[in-house]
Amino acid sequence: MGKNKKWLWLCAVVAAVLLVLFLMPRDNQPPPKTRVILEHSHRTYIAYSCFEGSNATNFLEESTLQEARDLNYPAESACTEKAFQGNRDSFFVSLMKELGIMEKETEDW
């Protein structure tokens, strides 16, 4: 009987640790492979959700956020800055947003 209680306590401790890790907030940043539009005339990058309101020319290229940062291109507008701003969510909240149960702040990443 003593061995069963040890296993029960061990399982309870492991479950508690996993629950805490699942609910603990963490800093989230957009992945480097997030798609952006490079605006080469103004040397800026634009989030897809902000393209309609941007002052874009015809010298555009689809690329990644990492390449925009490598080129030292700044965000084209406050809209783009906000679209790629990090957040502080738990793994559970991030999962709910990815599954579409909760609404994302931005659709860009």
N, C-alpha and C. Protein backbone atom coordinates (compact mmCIF):
# COMPACT_ATOMS: atom_id res chain seq x y z
N MET A 1 0.81 -1.20 0.00
CA MET A 1 0.00 0.00 0.00
C MET A 1 0.85 1.26 0.00
N GLY A 2 2.02 1.21 0.66
CA GLY A 2 2.90 2.36 0.73
C GLY A 2 3.45 2.75 -0.63
N LYS A 3 3.69 1.76 -1.48
CA LYS A 3 4.23 2.03 -2.82
C LYS A 3 3.20 2.76 -3.69
N ASN A 4 1.93 2.39 -3.55
CA ASN A 4 0.86 3.06 -4.31
C ASN A 4 0.72 4.52 -3.90
N LYS A 5 0.88 4.80 -2.61
CA LYS A 5 0.78 6.19 -2.15
C LYS A 5 1.93 7.03 -2.69
N LYS A 6 3.12 6.46 -2.78
CA LYS A 6 4.26 7.17 -3.34
C LYS A 6 4.01 7.53 -4.80
N TRP A 7 3.50 6.59 -5.56
CA TRP A 7 3.18 6.85 -6.97
C TRP A 7 2.10 7.91 -7.10
N LEU A 8 1.12 7.87 -6.24
CA LEU A 8 0.04 8.85 -6.26
C LEU A 8 0.59 10.25 -5.96
N TRP A 9 1.45 10.36 -4.95
CA TRP A 9 2.06 11.64 -4.63
C TRP A 9 2.95 12.12 -5.77
N LEU A 10 3.71 11.24 -6.34
CA LEU A 10 4.58 11.61 -7.46
C LEU A 10 3.75 12.12 -8.65
N CYS A 11 2.69 11.43 -8.96
CA CYS A 11 1.81 11.86 -10.06
C CYS A 11 1.16 13.20 -9.75
N ALA A 12 0.76 13.42 -8.52
CA ALA A 12 0.14 14.69 -8.13
C ALA A 12 1.14 15.84 -8.24
N VAL A 13 2.37 15.62 -7.82
CA VAL A 13 3.39 16.66 -7.91
C VAL A 13 3.71 16.98 -9.37
N VAL A 14 3.85 15.96 -10.20
CA VAL A 14 4.13 16.16 -11.63
C VAL A 14 2.96 16.91 -12.28
N ALA A 15 1.74 16.55 -11.96
CA ALA A 15 0.56 17.23 -12.52
C ALA A 15 0.53 18.69 -12.09
N ALA A 16 0.85 18.97 -10.84
CA ALA A 16 0.86 20.35 -10.35
C ALA A 16 1.92 21.18 -11.06
N VAL A 17 3.11 20.60 -11.24
CA VAL A 17 4.18 21.32 -11.93
C VAL A 17 3.79 21.60 -13.38
N LEU A 18 3.22 20.63 -14.06
CA LEU A 18 2.78 20.84 -15.44
C LEU A 18 1.68 21.89 -15.53
N LEU A 19 0.77 21.90 -14.59
CA LEU A 19 -0.30 22.89 -14.57
C LEU A 19 0.26 24.30 -14.39
N VAL A 20 1.22 24.45 -13.49
CA VAL A 20 1.85 25.76 -13.27
C VAL A 20 2.57 26.21 -14.54
N LEU A 21 3.32 25.31 -15.16
CA LEU A 21 4.02 25.66 -16.40
C LEU A 21 3.05 26.00 -17.52
N PHE A 22 1.92 25.34 -17.57
CA PHE A 22 0.91 25.56 -18.60
C PHE A 22 0.26 26.93 -18.45
N LEU A 23 0.14 27.42 -17.22
CA LEU A 23 -0.56 28.68 -16.95
C LEU A 23 0.38 29.86 -16.70
N MET A 24 1.68 29.63 -16.57
CA MET A 24 2.62 30.71 -16.28
C MET A 24 2.81 31.60 -17.50
N PRO A 25 2.71 32.92 -17.32
CA PRO A 25 2.90 33.83 -18.46
C PRO A 25 4.33 33.78 -18.97
N ARG A 26 4.47 34.01 -20.27
CA ARG A 26 5.79 34.06 -20.89
C ARG A 26 5.77 35.10 -21.99
N ASP A 27 6.93 35.63 -22.32
CA ASP A 27 7.04 36.63 -23.37
C ASP A 27 6.98 35.94 -24.73
N ASN A 28 6.14 36.46 -25.60
CA ASN A 28 5.99 35.91 -26.94
C ASN A 28 6.39 36.99 -27.95
N GLN A 29 7.18 36.62 -28.93
CA GLN A 29 7.61 37.50 -29.99
C GLN A 29 7.25 36.87 -31.33
N PRO A 30 7.05 37.70 -32.37
CA PRO A 30 6.75 37.11 -33.67
C PRO A 30 7.93 36.28 -34.17
N PRO A 31 7.67 35.15 -34.80
CA PRO A 31 8.77 34.33 -35.32
C PRO A 31 9.52 35.04 -36.44
N PRO A 32 10.79 34.75 -36.61
CA PRO A 32 11.59 35.40 -37.66
C PRO A 32 11.05 35.15 -39.06
N LYS A 33 10.34 34.04 -39.26
CA LYS A 33 9.82 33.72 -40.59
C LYS A 33 8.45 34.33 -40.87
N THR A 34 8.00 35.25 -40.02
CA THR A 34 6.72 35.93 -40.24
C THR A 34 6.79 36.71 -41.55
N ARG A 35 5.75 36.59 -42.36
CA ARG A 35 5.73 37.25 -43.66
C ARG A 35 5.50 38.75 -43.52
N VAL A 36 6.26 39.52 -44.26
CA VAL A 36 6.10 40.98 -44.32
C VAL A 36 6.27 41.42 -45.77
N ILE A 37 5.96 42.67 -46.00
CA ILE A 37 6.17 43.29 -47.31
C ILE A 37 7.32 44.28 -47.15
N LEU A 38 8.36 44.10 -47.93
CA LEU A 38 9.47 45.05 -47.92
C LEU A 38 9.16 46.15 -48.92
N GLU A 39 9.25 47.38 -48.47
CA GLU A 39 9.02 48.56 -49.31
C GLU A 39 10.40 49.16 -49.55
N HIS A 40 11.02 48.79 -50.70
CA HIS A 40 12.41 49.16 -50.94
C HIS A 40 12.61 50.64 -51.24
N SER A 41 11.62 51.33 -51.79
CA SER A 41 11.79 52.76 -52.08
C SER A 41 11.98 53.56 -50.80
N HIS A 42 11.17 53.25 -49.79
CA HIS A 42 11.25 53.97 -48.51
C HIS A 42 12.11 53.22 -47.49
N ARG A 43 12.60 52.04 -47.88
CA ARG A 43 13.42 51.19 -47.00
C ARG A 43 12.71 50.91 -45.68
N THR A 44 11.48 50.41 -45.78
CA THR A 44 10.68 50.04 -44.62
C THR A 44 10.04 48.69 -44.86
N TYR A 45 9.41 48.15 -43.81
CA TYR A 45 8.62 46.93 -43.99
C TYR A 45 7.21 47.18 -43.50
N ILE A 46 6.27 46.43 -44.07
CA ILE A 46 4.85 46.64 -43.81
C ILE A 46 4.22 45.31 -43.43
N ALA A 47 3.40 45.32 -42.39
CA ALA A 47 2.62 44.14 -42.03
C ALA A 47 1.48 44.00 -43.05
N TYR A 48 1.11 42.76 -43.33
CA TYR A 48 0.05 42.54 -44.31
C TYR A 48 -1.26 43.21 -43.91
N SER A 49 -1.57 43.21 -42.63
CA SER A 49 -2.82 43.81 -42.18
C SER A 49 -2.80 45.33 -42.28
N CYS A 50 -1.64 45.93 -42.47
CA CYS A 50 -1.50 47.39 -42.54
C CYS A 50 -1.25 47.89 -43.97
N PHE A 51 -1.25 47.01 -44.94
CA PHE A 51 -0.87 47.39 -46.30
C PHE A 51 -1.84 48.39 -46.91
N GLU A 52 -3.12 48.22 -46.70
CA GLU A 52 -4.12 49.12 -47.32
C GLU A 52 -3.92 50.56 -46.89
N GLY A 53 -3.53 50.79 -45.66
CA GLY A 53 -3.34 52.15 -45.15
C GLY A 53 -1.93 52.68 -45.31
N SER A 54 -1.07 51.93 -45.98
CA SER A 54 0.32 52.35 -46.10
C SER A 54 0.52 53.25 -47.31
N ASN A 55 1.68 53.88 -47.33
CA ASN A 55 2.07 54.75 -48.44
C ASN A 55 3.10 54.00 -49.28
N ALA A 56 2.68 52.89 -49.89
CA ALA A 56 3.61 52.01 -50.60
C ALA A 56 3.77 52.43 -52.06
N THR A 57 4.97 52.21 -52.57
CA THR A 57 5.25 52.42 -53.99
C THR A 57 5.15 51.06 -54.69
N ASN A 58 5.66 50.97 -55.89
CA ASN A 58 5.62 49.70 -56.63
C ASN A 58 6.87 48.85 -56.41
N PHE A 59 7.83 49.34 -55.66
CA PHE A 59 9.08 48.60 -55.43
C PHE A 59 8.92 47.77 -54.16
N LEU A 60 8.10 46.70 -54.27
CA LEU A 60 7.73 45.87 -53.14
C LEU A 60 8.28 44.46 -53.31
N GLU A 61 8.45 43.78 -52.18
CA GLU A 61 8.90 42.40 -52.20
C GLU A 61 8.32 41.69 -50.98
N GLU A 62 7.84 40.48 -51.20
CA GLU A 62 7.38 39.67 -50.08
C GLU A 62 8.61 39.02 -49.46
N SER A 63 8.70 39.10 -48.14
CA SER A 63 9.87 38.55 -47.46
C SER A 63 9.50 38.14 -46.04
N THR A 64 10.53 38.05 -45.19
CA THR A 64 10.32 37.67 -43.80
C THR A 64 10.72 38.82 -42.88
N LEU A 65 10.23 38.73 -41.66
CA LEU A 65 10.57 39.73 -40.66
C LEU A 65 12.08 39.72 -40.39
N GLN A 66 12.68 38.54 -40.41
CA GLN A 66 14.12 38.42 -40.19
C GLN A 66 14.91 39.18 -41.26
N GLU A 67 14.51 39.04 -42.51
CA GLU A 67 15.22 39.75 -43.58
C GLU A 67 15.05 41.26 -43.43
N ALA A 68 13.86 41.70 -43.05
CA ALA A 68 13.64 43.14 -42.83
C ALA A 68 14.55 43.65 -41.73
N ARG A 69 14.71 42.88 -40.68
CA ARG A 69 15.60 43.28 -39.59
C ARG A 69 17.06 43.22 -40.02
N ASP A 70 17.42 42.24 -40.83
CA ASP A 70 18.79 42.15 -41.34
C ASP A 70 19.14 43.35 -42.21
N LEU A 71 18.15 43.86 -42.95
CA LEU A 71 18.35 45.03 -43.79
C LEU A 71 18.26 46.34 -43.00
N ASN A 72 17.94 46.23 -41.71
CA ASN A 72 17.75 47.40 -40.83
C ASN A 72 16.62 48.30 -41.31
N TYR A 73 15.58 47.69 -41.88
CA TYR A 73 14.41 48.45 -42.30
C TYR A 73 13.53 48.68 -41.07
N PRO A 74 13.11 49.91 -40.83
CA PRO A 74 12.17 50.16 -39.74
C PRO A 74 10.74 49.84 -40.17
N ALA A 75 9.85 49.78 -39.21
CA ALA A 75 8.43 49.57 -39.53
C ALA A 75 7.91 50.79 -40.27
N GLU A 76 7.02 50.57 -41.23
CA GLU A 76 6.51 51.65 -42.06
C GLU A 76 5.59 52.59 -41.29
N SER A 77 4.85 52.05 -40.32
CA SER A 77 3.89 52.88 -39.59
C SER A 77 3.69 52.33 -38.18
N ALA A 78 2.94 53.08 -37.40
CA ALA A 78 2.59 52.62 -36.05
C ALA A 78 1.74 51.36 -36.11
N CYS A 79 0.97 51.23 -37.16
CA CYS A 79 0.15 50.03 -37.35
C CYS A 79 1.04 48.79 -37.46
N THR A 80 2.11 48.89 -38.24
CA THR A 80 3.03 47.77 -38.40
C THR A 80 3.78 47.49 -37.10
N GLU A 81 4.18 48.54 -36.40
CA GLU A 81 4.85 48.35 -35.10
C GLU A 81 3.94 47.59 -34.14
N LYS A 82 2.67 47.98 -34.11
CA LYS A 82 1.72 47.34 -33.21
C LYS A 82 1.47 45.88 -33.62
N ALA A 83 1.44 45.63 -34.92
CA ALA A 83 1.18 44.28 -35.42
C ALA A 83 2.27 43.29 -35.00
N PHE A 84 3.50 43.77 -34.87
CA PHE A 84 4.61 42.89 -34.51
C PHE A 84 5.11 43.09 -33.08
N GLN A 85 4.31 43.77 -32.29
CA GLN A 85 4.66 43.96 -30.89
C GLN A 85 4.45 42.64 -30.14
N GLY A 86 5.38 42.30 -29.30
CA GLY A 86 5.27 41.06 -28.53
C GLY A 86 4.15 41.16 -27.49
N ASN A 87 3.83 40.02 -26.91
CA ASN A 87 2.82 40.00 -25.84
C ASN A 87 3.29 39.07 -24.74
N ARG A 88 2.53 39.04 -23.67
CA ARG A 88 2.88 38.20 -22.52
C ARG A 88 1.66 37.33 -22.20
N ASP A 89 1.63 36.17 -22.80
CA ASP A 89 0.53 35.21 -22.61
C ASP A 89 1.08 33.91 -22.08
N SER A 90 0.22 33.15 -21.44
CA SER A 90 0.59 31.80 -21.02
C SER A 90 0.49 30.86 -22.22
N PHE A 91 1.06 29.69 -22.07
CA PHE A 91 0.97 28.69 -23.13
C PHE A 91 -0.49 28.37 -23.42
N PHE A 92 -1.31 28.29 -22.39
CA PHE A 92 -2.73 27.98 -22.55
C PHE A 92 -3.43 29.05 -23.39
N VAL A 93 -3.20 30.32 -23.08
CA VAL A 93 -3.83 31.42 -23.84
C VAL A 93 -3.32 31.42 -25.28
N SER A 94 -2.03 31.20 -25.48
CA SER A 94 -1.48 31.14 -26.84
C SER A 94 -2.12 30.01 -27.64
N LEU A 95 -2.32 28.88 -27.00
CA LEU A 95 -2.95 27.74 -27.66
C LEU A 95 -4.40 28.05 -28.02
N MET A 96 -5.12 28.70 -27.12
CA MET A 96 -6.52 29.06 -27.40
C MET A 96 -6.61 30.04 -28.58
N LYS A 97 -5.66 30.95 -28.68
CA LYS A 97 -5.64 31.89 -29.80
C LYS A 97 -5.33 31.18 -31.11
N GLU A 98 -4.40 30.25 -31.08
CA GLU A 98 -4.06 29.50 -32.30
C GLU A 98 -5.22 28.63 -32.77
N LEU A 99 -5.99 28.09 -31.83
CA LEU A 99 -7.14 27.26 -32.19
C LEU A 99 -8.35 28.08 -32.59
N GLY A 100 -8.28 29.41 -32.42
CA GLY A 100 -9.39 30.27 -32.81
C GLY A 100 -10.47 30.39 -31.75
N ILE A 101 -10.22 29.88 -30.56
CA ILE A 101 -11.21 29.98 -29.48
C ILE A 101 -11.19 31.39 -28.89
N MET A 102 -10.00 31.96 -28.79
CA MET A 102 -9.85 33.34 -28.33
C MET A 102 -9.38 34.19 -29.50
N GLU A 103 -9.70 35.46 -29.47
CA GLU A 103 -9.33 36.36 -30.55
C GLU A 103 -7.88 36.82 -30.39
N LYS A 104 -7.14 36.80 -31.50
CA LYS A 104 -5.76 37.28 -31.50
C LYS A 104 -5.76 38.80 -31.56
N GLU A 105 -4.69 39.40 -31.02
CA GLU A 105 -4.54 40.86 -31.13
C GLU A 105 -4.22 41.25 -32.57
N THR A 106 -3.47 40.40 -33.26
CA THR A 106 -3.08 40.66 -34.64
C THR A 106 -3.11 39.36 -35.42
N GLU A 107 -3.42 39.44 -36.68
CA GLU A 107 -3.46 38.26 -37.54
C GLU A 107 -2.15 38.05 -38.28
N ASP A 108 -1.19 38.94 -38.06
CA ASP A 108 0.06 38.88 -38.81
C ASP A 108 1.01 37.79 -38.35
N TRP A 109 0.87 37.34 -37.09
CA TRP A 109 1.74 36.27 -36.60
C TRP A 109 1.06 35.41 -35.61
